[in-house]
């Protein structure tokens, strides 16, 4: 024998009560139970059955308000007396009647359980330490992880486990380096798993920042690659190089690198790439007193030639070739770590000034802007007009010295070039030679 609840549910399903029931469903979704009142649109299909059920007359009415207590009273005065309308709603919609609050609760419990399972699986590992940090800090990466779970929970679990396996196997833990694609294939069998713009790359980068204490927020692709380099992951850029001269390095066995030694002894210019840098441990801090970091390749070559001819052993050289790339920063980081003073000189234009600004930000008082003053700007014979688009680059300057020059360039609207500064550069180089000789005498 059916219960009053079952009988009422069958009755409501047998006639045009769907819109009526959908409106009460919205109440349950919002509040967790039916109550209050609904606004119901009537038509030729549902007007009569709704009127009969409630014992009311809705002739010619198109929109009516129905209070919950009216529904309860109608049930009590019918053959369905004893039925609980909230229970009937559950029967009518079955599993589709969870309130929004209940749905959120279930989702939160599911997310919580996923994180518990991951924490347990990676307990007492480097990756487990990272996950604990994410769960406690609730920072942006945690928000992205929760969003991913909402969208594709099974995919998230699989990808997160692969990323955490990767963190536990960062090459840095064994003092090694590895190409990113080779590392990805080793961990996931897919060399593209950790490609940029993939969610797994985002998680892996956050982990790399955590273990290197680098900042995670608002980083350029160059900065990301440099952070990955710190955990032993190299990008695929053998063609990414910079020109150097008169720099000496130790190999990974802490011995002078024979390849670097040859170029150093001959004071020759050569192109160093990321793989070359991967084969060295550090720059020899005794190979020179200061390193000249030069934007313009022709000026770079001229100053290297002057130093070579005059046997000025206290100088090393790096050419940024316009803008510093990944390889250039790796090299300058090693020079910085060796404690060697760096001097940067570039064109008096927005691009050269932006490089100077970035270098001052990254290397602080370890790098000096060489002949980069307002007086030097006039010496460079500024003559080429700068368009407004390039002028706007100067708004990105943050260092006080570069800002002063930037304001001067904006007021004049003209750029000056390094080639016109060669005499001043050479004078300094020869003066350094004299000072060095005097100190030795």
Protein backbone atom coordinates (compact mmCIF):
# COMPACT_ATOMS: atom_id res chain seq x y z
CA UNK A 1 0.00 0.00 0.00
CA UNK A 2 1.32 3.41 -1.00
CA UNK A 3 1.93 6.16 1.53
CA UNK A 4 0.16 9.56 1.24
CA UNK A 5 3.50 11.01 0.06
CA UNK A 6 3.76 8.48 -2.77
CA UNK A 7 0.09 8.95 -3.76
CA UNK A 8 0.49 12.75 -3.95
CA UNK A 9 3.71 12.44 -5.97
CA UNK A 10 1.97 10.17 -8.52
CA UNK A 11 -0.94 12.60 -8.72
CA UNK A 12 1.30 15.62 -9.32
CA UNK A 13 3.22 13.78 -12.05
CA UNK A 14 0.01 12.74 -13.81
CA UNK A 15 -1.18 16.25 -14.66
CA UNK A 16 0.20 19.69 -15.64
CA UNK A 17 1.94 20.47 -12.34
CA UNK A 18 5.52 20.68 -13.66
CA UNK A 19 5.80 24.50 -13.63
CA UNK A 20 4.17 24.57 -10.20
CA UNK A 21 6.68 22.04 -8.87
CA UNK A 22 9.67 23.76 -10.54
CA UNK A 23 8.90 26.99 -8.69
CA UNK A 24 8.86 25.17 -5.35
CA UNK A 25 12.09 23.44 -6.35
CA UNK A 26 13.75 26.86 -6.62
CA UNK A 27 12.75 27.54 -3.02
CA UNK A 28 14.34 24.30 -1.87
CA UNK A 29 17.51 25.06 -3.87
CA UNK A 30 17.78 28.46 -2.24
CA UNK A 31 16.71 27.79 1.34
CA UNK A 32 17.05 24.04 1.76
CA UNK A 33 13.26 23.55 2.12
CA UNK A 34 9.98 24.78 0.60
CA UNK A 35 8.33 27.82 2.19
CA UNK A 36 7.18 31.37 1.61
CA UNK A 37 5.35 31.86 -1.67
CA UNK A 38 5.83 31.41 -5.40
CA UNK A 39 4.75 33.42 -8.42
CA UNK A 40 3.17 31.13 -10.99
CA UNK A 41 2.21 31.81 -14.60
CA UNK A 42 -1.07 30.14 -15.61
CA UNK A 43 -2.07 28.91 -19.06
CA UNK A 44 -4.79 26.79 -20.59
CA UNK A 45 -2.91 23.63 -19.63
CA UNK A 46 -2.27 24.14 -15.92
CA UNK A 47 -5.02 26.59 -14.82
CA UNK A 48 -7.67 23.97 -14.14
CA UNK A 49 -5.48 21.38 -12.37
CA UNK A 50 -3.88 24.02 -10.10
CA UNK A 51 -7.34 25.44 -9.25
CA UNK A 52 -8.73 21.99 -8.46
CA UNK A 53 -5.73 21.07 -6.29
CA UNK A 54 -5.89 24.29 -4.26
CA UNK A 55 -9.70 24.45 -4.26
CA UNK A 56 -9.67 27.95 -5.78
CA UNK A 57 -10.96 29.72 -8.91
CA UNK A 58 -8.39 31.27 -11.28
CA UNK A 59 -10.73 32.07 -14.18
CA UNK A 60 -9.05 34.47 -16.67
CA UNK A 61 -6.04 34.94 -14.36
CA UNK A 62 -2.56 34.63 -15.95
CA UNK A 63 -0.28 35.24 -12.95
CA UNK A 64 -0.97 34.17 -9.36
CA UNK A 65 0.81 34.07 -6.00
CA UNK A 66 0.63 30.81 -4.09
CA UNK A 67 1.64 30.71 -0.41
CA UNK A 68 3.18 27.60 1.08
CA UNK A 69 0.49 27.42 3.78
CA UNK A 70 -2.17 27.34 1.02
CA UNK A 71 -0.51 24.21 -0.38
CA UNK A 72 -0.37 22.60 3.08
CA UNK A 73 -4.06 23.42 3.70
CA UNK A 74 -5.02 21.99 0.30
CA UNK A 75 -3.22 18.73 1.12
CA UNK A 76 -4.93 18.47 4.52
CA UNK A 77 -8.34 18.91 2.88
CA UNK A 78 -7.71 16.26 0.22
CA UNK A 79 -7.37 12.49 -0.01
CA UNK A 80 -3.62 13.05 0.42
CA UNK A 81 -4.00 14.14 4.03
CA UNK A 82 -0.85 13.35 6.02
CA UNK A 83 1.53 13.90 3.07
CA UNK A 84 4.64 16.03 3.71
CA UNK A 85 5.05 18.36 0.74
CA UNK A 86 8.84 18.67 1.26
CA UNK A 87 9.14 14.89 1.12
CA UNK A 88 6.92 14.83 -1.97
CA UNK A 89 9.25 17.34 -3.62
CA UNK A 90 12.20 15.03 -2.93
CA UNK A 91 10.30 12.12 -4.50
CA UNK A 92 9.22 14.19 -7.47
CA UNK A 93 12.71 15.42 -8.36
CA UNK A 94 14.66 12.57 -6.76
CA UNK A 95 18.43 13.45 -6.63
CA UNK A 96 17.92 16.77 -8.41
CA UNK A 97 16.63 18.64 -5.39
CA UNK A 98 19.75 19.42 -3.41
CA UNK A 99 19.85 22.97 -2.11
CA UNK A 100 22.62 25.28 -3.30
CA UNK A 101 24.01 25.20 0.23
CA UNK A 102 24.00 21.40 0.22
CA UNK A 103 25.60 21.30 -3.21
CA UNK A 104 28.38 23.64 -2.04
CA UNK A 105 28.85 21.54 1.05
CA UNK A 106 29.18 18.36 -1.01
CA UNK A 107 31.65 20.09 -3.37
CA UNK A 108 33.71 21.37 -0.46
CA UNK A 109 33.79 17.92 1.09
CA UNK A 110 34.89 16.43 -2.23
CA UNK A 111 37.67 19.01 -2.61
CA UNK A 112 38.74 18.49 0.99
CA UNK A 113 38.91 14.73 0.47
CA UNK A 114 40.98 15.11 -2.71
CA UNK A 115 43.51 17.25 -0.87
CA UNK A 116 43.55 14.82 2.09
CA UNK A 117 44.31 11.93 -0.28
CA UNK A 118 47.09 13.89 -2.00
CA UNK A 119 48.56 14.97 1.34
CA UNK A 120 48.58 11.40 2.56
CA UNK A 121 50.13 10.05 -0.63
CA UNK A 122 52.95 12.62 -0.61
CA UNK A 123 53.45 12.78 3.14
CA UNK A 124 57.05 13.51 4.22
CA UNK A 125 58.14 14.49 0.70
CA UNK A 126 59.18 17.80 -0.84
CA UNK A 127 55.96 17.91 -2.84
CA UNK A 128 53.94 17.19 0.29
CA UNK A 129 55.60 20.17 1.96
CA UNK A 130 54.62 22.36 -1.01
CA UNK A 131 51.02 21.13 -0.94
CA UNK A 132 50.75 21.84 2.79
CA UNK A 133 51.94 25.39 2.10
CA UNK A 134 49.28 25.83 -0.62
CA UNK A 135 46.50 24.55 1.64
CA UNK A 136 47.54 26.80 4.51
CA UNK A 137 48.21 29.97 2.52
CA UNK A 138 45.10 29.74 0.31
CA UNK A 139 46.91 31.91 -2.24
CA UNK A 140 46.15 32.28 -5.95
CA UNK A 141 47.43 28.83 -6.89
CA UNK A 142 45.06 27.23 -4.37
CA UNK A 143 42.16 29.10 -5.97
CA UNK A 144 43.22 27.82 -9.40
CA UNK A 145 43.46 24.28 -8.06
CA UNK A 146 39.95 24.43 -6.57
CA UNK A 147 38.59 25.80 -9.84
CA UNK A 148 40.23 22.95 -11.74
CA UNK A 149 38.70 20.39 -9.36
CA UNK A 150 35.24 21.87 -9.98
CA UNK A 151 35.76 21.57 -13.74
CA UNK A 152 37.58 18.25 -14.10
CA UNK A 153 38.24 16.50 -10.76
CA UNK A 154 39.69 13.29 -12.19
CA UNK A 155 41.98 15.16 -14.58
CA UNK A 156 43.12 17.45 -11.77
CA UNK A 157 44.12 14.50 -9.57
CA UNK A 158 46.09 12.87 -12.38
CA UNK A 159 47.88 16.09 -13.35
CA UNK A 160 48.55 17.19 -9.79
CA UNK A 161 50.10 13.82 -8.96
CA UNK A 162 52.38 14.06 -11.99
CA UNK A 163 53.44 17.59 -11.04
CA UNK A 164 54.11 16.53 -7.45
CA UNK A 165 56.16 13.58 -8.72
CA UNK A 166 58.09 16.13 -10.79
CA UNK A 167 58.73 18.35 -7.75
CA UNK A 168 60.09 15.39 -5.83
CA UNK A 169 62.46 14.76 -8.72
CA UNK A 170 63.64 18.30 -9.50
CA UNK A 171 67.21 17.94 -10.83
CA UNK A 172 68.34 20.42 -8.16
CA UNK A 173 67.89 17.76 -5.48
CA UNK A 174 70.73 15.74 -7.05
CA UNK A 175 72.74 18.82 -8.13
CA UNK A 176 72.03 18.16 -11.79
CA UNK A 177 70.40 19.89 -14.75
CA UNK A 178 68.04 18.57 -17.41
CA UNK A 179 66.19 19.90 -20.43
CA UNK A 180 62.55 20.61 -19.63
CA UNK A 181 61.21 18.38 -22.42
CA UNK A 182 63.42 15.44 -21.38
CA UNK A 183 62.37 15.91 -17.76
CA UNK A 184 58.67 16.04 -18.73
CA UNK A 185 58.99 12.85 -20.78
CA UNK A 186 60.72 11.11 -17.88
CA UNK A 187 57.95 12.03 -15.42
CA UNK A 188 54.83 11.89 -17.62
CA UNK A 189 55.96 10.22 -20.90
CA UNK A 190 54.84 13.41 -22.67
CA UNK A 191 57.64 15.91 -23.46
CA UNK A 192 55.08 18.72 -23.72
CA UNK A 193 53.39 18.20 -20.35
CA UNK A 194 55.10 21.20 -18.80
CA UNK A 195 54.86 23.53 -21.81
CA UNK A 196 53.95 27.14 -21.10
CA UNK A 197 50.24 28.00 -20.75
CA UNK A 198 49.41 24.50 -19.50
CA UNK A 199 47.97 24.04 -16.04
CA UNK A 200 50.74 21.59 -15.15
CA UNK A 201 53.32 24.26 -16.03
CA UNK A 202 51.53 26.69 -13.70
CA UNK A 203 51.65 24.22 -10.80
CA UNK A 204 55.26 23.26 -11.51
CA UNK A 205 56.34 26.90 -11.66
CA UNK A 206 54.62 27.64 -8.35
CA UNK A 207 56.51 24.73 -6.82
CA UNK A 208 59.79 25.98 -8.30
CA UNK A 209 59.15 29.41 -6.78
CA UNK A 210 58.39 27.82 -3.41
CA UNK A 211 61.64 25.84 -3.33
CA UNK A 212 63.81 28.73 -4.59
CA UNK A 213 62.03 31.46 -2.57
CA UNK A 214 61.36 33.37 -5.80
CA UNK A 215 58.27 35.54 -6.10
CA UNK A 216 55.42 33.83 -7.97
CA UNK A 217 53.34 36.84 -8.95
CA UNK A 218 53.50 38.83 -12.20
CA UNK A 219 56.54 37.20 -13.72
CA UNK A 220 57.66 37.43 -17.35
CA UNK A 221 58.51 34.34 -19.37
CA UNK A 222 62.19 35.20 -18.95
CA UNK A 223 61.83 35.32 -15.14
CA UNK A 224 59.96 32.01 -15.18
CA UNK A 225 62.71 30.35 -17.20
CA UNK A 226 65.33 31.68 -14.79
CA UNK A 227 63.42 30.20 -11.85
CA UNK A 228 63.13 26.85 -13.62
CA UNK A 229 66.87 27.03 -14.22
CA UNK A 230 67.42 27.28 -10.46
CA UNK A 231 65.66 23.94 -9.92
CA UNK A 232 67.74 22.41 -12.71
CA UNK A 233 65.32 22.67 -15.65
CA UNK A 234 66.71 24.12 -18.88
CA UNK A 235 64.60 25.56 -21.67
CA UNK A 236 65.08 24.47 -25.27
CA UNK A 237 67.19 27.39 -26.40
CA UNK A 238 70.63 26.36 -27.65
CA UNK A 239 70.20 29.19 -30.18
CA UNK A 240 69.73 31.67 -27.33
CA UNK A 241 73.21 33.11 -26.78
CA UNK A 242 75.22 36.20 -25.88
CA UNK A 243 78.67 37.43 -26.90
CA UNK A 244 81.43 37.50 -24.30
CA UNK A 245 85.17 38.10 -24.07
CA UNK A 246 87.90 37.61 -21.45
CA UNK A 247 85.85 35.67 -18.92
CA UNK A 248 87.10 32.51 -17.27
CA UNK A 249 85.00 29.77 -15.65
CA UNK A 250 85.29 26.67 -13.47
CA UNK A 251 83.74 23.43 -14.70
CA UNK A 252 81.48 21.26 -12.55
CA UNK A 253 84.57 19.52 -11.13
CA UNK A 254 85.74 22.92 -9.77
CA UNK A 255 88.60 23.05 -12.29
CA UNK A 256 89.29 25.79 -14.82
CA UNK A 257 87.23 24.97 -17.93
CA UNK A 258 89.68 24.28 -20.75
CA UNK A 259 87.35 25.62 -23.45
CA UNK A 260 86.83 28.93 -21.67
CA UNK A 261 90.57 29.05 -20.91
CA UNK A 262 91.46 29.08 -24.62
CA UNK A 263 89.19 32.01 -25.49
CA UNK A 264 90.29 33.84 -22.33
CA UNK A 265 94.00 33.53 -23.05
CA UNK A 266 93.53 34.74 -26.63
CA UNK A 267 91.19 37.56 -25.54
CA UNK A 268 88.78 36.45 -28.26
CA UNK A 269 85.06 37.11 -28.67
CA UNK A 270 82.80 34.07 -28.68
CA UNK A 271 79.10 33.19 -28.34
CA UNK A 272 78.10 31.39 -25.17
CA UNK A 273 74.74 29.58 -25.00
CA UNK A 274 72.72 28.03 -22.18
CA UNK A 275 74.29 24.60 -22.68
CA UNK A 276 77.76 26.15 -22.33
CA UNK A 277 76.64 27.75 -19.07
CA UNK A 278 75.23 24.42 -17.95
CA UNK A 279 78.71 22.92 -18.26
CA UNK A 280 80.28 25.37 -15.80
CA UNK A 281 80.01 25.71 -12.05
CA UNK A 282 80.95 29.38 -11.67
CA UNK A 283 82.81 32.34 -13.11
CA UNK A 284 86.37 32.77 -11.85
CA UNK A 285 86.25 35.91 -9.71
CA UNK A 286 89.99 36.47 -10.28
CA UNK A 287 89.74 36.58 -14.08
CA UNK A 288 88.99 40.33 -14.06
CA UNK A 289 88.21 43.23 -11.75
CA UNK A 290 85.13 44.41 -13.57
CA UNK A 291 82.85 43.28 -16.39
CA UNK A 292 81.61 45.77 -18.99
CA UNK A 293 78.05 44.94 -20.04
CA UNK A 294 77.55 46.65 -23.39
CA UNK A 295 74.34 46.97 -25.38
CA UNK A 296 75.75 47.75 -28.83
CA UNK A 297 77.73 44.93 -30.57
CA UNK A 298 79.94 47.30 -32.59
CA UNK A 299 80.94 49.23 -29.46
CA UNK A 300 81.49 45.90 -27.69
CA UNK A 301 83.87 44.72 -30.42
CA UNK A 302 85.77 48.01 -30.45
CA UNK A 303 86.32 48.04 -26.68
CA UNK A 304 87.36 44.38 -26.63
CA UNK A 305 89.89 45.19 -29.37
CA UNK A 306 91.28 48.17 -27.40
CA UNK A 307 91.64 46.03 -24.28
CA UNK A 308 93.27 43.18 -26.18
CA UNK A 309 95.80 45.40 -27.97
CA UNK A 310 96.70 47.23 -24.77
CA UNK A 311 96.73 44.01 -22.71
CA UNK A 312 94.19 45.25 -20.16
CA UNK A 313 93.62 42.04 -18.23
CA UNK A 314 91.40 43.58 -15.56
CA UNK A 315 88.35 43.75 -17.89
CA UNK A 316 85.78 41.17 -18.95
CA UNK A 317 83.03 41.83 -21.50
CA UNK A 318 79.40 40.85 -22.15
CA UNK A 319 77.26 42.10 -25.05
CA UNK A 320 73.48 42.23 -24.52
CA UNK A 321 72.95 42.55 -28.28
CA UNK A 322 69.99 44.93 -27.93
CA UNK A 323 67.92 43.30 -25.21
CA UNK A 324 69.10 40.81 -22.60
CA UNK A 325 67.85 37.29 -23.19
CA UNK A 326 67.59 34.17 -21.03
CA UNK A 327 71.20 33.17 -21.67
CA UNK A 328 72.45 36.69 -20.90
CA UNK A 329 70.75 36.73 -17.52
CA UNK A 330 72.11 33.29 -16.65
CA UNK A 331 75.61 34.57 -17.34
CA UNK A 332 75.17 37.84 -15.44
CA UNK A 333 73.75 35.90 -12.49
CA UNK A 334 76.96 33.87 -12.37
CA UNK A 335 79.09 37.03 -12.61
CA UNK A 336 77.00 38.52 -9.80
CA UNK A 337 77.47 35.39 -7.68
CA UNK A 338 81.24 35.62 -8.27
CA UNK A 339 81.20 39.09 -6.72
CA UNK A 340 82.65 40.85 -9.76
CA UNK A 341 81.67 44.49 -10.31
CA UNK A 342 79.58 45.11 -13.44
CA UNK A 343 79.26 48.31 -15.46
CA UNK A 344 76.47 48.74 -18.00
CA UNK A 345 76.52 51.16 -20.92
CA UNK A 346 73.87 51.47 -23.61
CA UNK A 347 72.19 53.83 -26.04
CA UNK A 348 70.35 56.87 -24.77
CA UNK A 349 67.01 55.67 -26.08
CA UNK A 350 63.96 54.03 -24.44
CA UNK A 351 65.12 50.47 -25.14
CA UNK A 352 68.67 50.98 -23.81
CA UNK A 353 67.39 52.80 -20.77
CA UNK A 354 64.89 50.03 -19.99
CA UNK A 355 67.71 47.45 -20.03
CA UNK A 356 69.68 49.65 -17.63
CA UNK A 357 66.66 49.92 -15.36
CA UNK A 358 66.08 46.16 -15.29
CA UNK A 359 69.73 45.48 -14.53
CA UNK A 360 69.78 47.98 -11.64
CA UNK A 361 66.64 46.35 -10.24
CA UNK A 362 68.07 42.84 -10.50
CA UNK A 363 71.68 43.44 -9.44
CA UNK A 364 71.31 46.56 -7.27
CA UNK A 365 74.61 48.09 -6.15
CA UNK A 366 76.66 45.32 -7.82
CA UNK A 367 76.11 46.96 -11.20
CA UNK A 368 76.80 50.61 -12.09
CA UNK A 369 75.55 52.65 -15.03
CA UNK A 370 78.69 53.65 -16.89
CA UNK A 371 78.61 57.06 -18.58
CA UNK A 372 74.87 57.12 -18.16
CA UNK A 373 74.20 60.61 -16.83
CA UNK A 374 72.32 63.62 -18.15
CA UNK A 375 75.68 65.19 -19.09
CA UNK A 376 76.62 62.04 -21.02
CA UNK A 377 73.30 62.25 -22.86
CA UNK A 378 74.36 65.56 -24.42
CA UNK A 379 77.81 64.12 -25.21
CA UNK A 380 76.11 61.34 -27.22
CA UNK A 381 74.88 63.99 -29.70
CA UNK A 382 71.18 63.12 -29.55
CA UNK A 383 69.67 63.71 -32.96
CA UNK A 384 67.23 60.98 -33.96
CA UNK A 385 63.58 61.71 -33.18
CA UNK A 386 61.74 59.15 -31.02
CA UNK A 387 58.11 58.40 -31.82
CA UNK A 388 55.45 58.54 -29.11
CA UNK A 389 55.03 54.78 -28.91
CA UNK A 390 58.69 54.32 -27.96
CA UNK A 391 58.57 57.32 -25.63
CA UNK A 392 55.84 55.54 -23.64
CA UNK A 393 58.37 52.81 -22.75
CA UNK A 394 60.03 55.34 -20.43
CA UNK A 395 56.96 55.23 -18.16
CA UNK A 396 58.10 51.76 -17.03
CA UNK A 397 61.36 53.01 -15.46
CA UNK A 398 61.70 52.54 -11.69
CA UNK A 399 65.29 53.52 -10.82
CA UNK A 400 65.92 57.17 -9.88
CA UNK A 401 68.98 57.50 -12.15
CA UNK A 402 67.26 56.04 -15.20
CA UNK A 403 64.13 58.10 -14.46
CA UNK A 404 66.16 61.33 -14.53
CA UNK A 405 67.64 60.46 -17.92
CA UNK A 406 64.24 59.25 -19.13
CA UNK A 407 62.64 62.58 -18.25
CA UNK A 408 65.39 64.39 -20.16
CA UNK A 409 64.90 62.17 -23.21
CA UNK A 410 61.12 62.75 -23.06
CA UNK A 411 61.61 66.53 -22.95
CA UNK A 412 64.00 66.48 -25.91
CA UNK A 413 62.34 63.69 -27.86
CA UNK A 414 65.71 62.65 -29.26
CA UNK A 415 67.91 59.58 -28.83
CA UNK A 416 71.70 59.41 -28.55
CA UNK A 417 73.93 56.47 -29.39
CA UNK A 418 76.89 54.65 -27.89
CA UNK A 419 79.10 55.04 -30.92
CA UNK A 420 79.42 58.73 -30.05
CA UNK A 421 80.62 57.80 -26.57
CA UNK A 422 83.59 55.67 -27.65
CA UNK A 423 86.24 58.28 -26.79
CA UNK A 424 84.96 58.54 -23.22
CA UNK A 425 84.83 54.77 -22.86
CA UNK A 426 88.41 54.38 -24.13
CA UNK A 427 89.68 57.12 -21.82
CA UNK A 428 88.28 55.27 -18.83
CA UNK A 429 89.74 51.96 -19.96
CA UNK A 430 93.21 53.44 -20.37
CA UNK A 431 92.91 55.21 -17.02
CA UNK A 432 92.03 51.91 -15.34
CA UNK A 433 95.16 50.38 -16.93
CA UNK A 434 97.34 53.14 -15.47
CA UNK A 435 95.75 52.77 -12.03
CA UNK A 436 96.25 49.02 -12.16
CA UNK A 437 99.90 49.37 -13.16
CA UNK A 438 100.46 51.97 -10.42
CA UNK A 439 98.95 49.71 -7.77
CA UNK A 440 101.30 46.91 -8.80
CA UNK A 441 104.43 49.09 -8.74
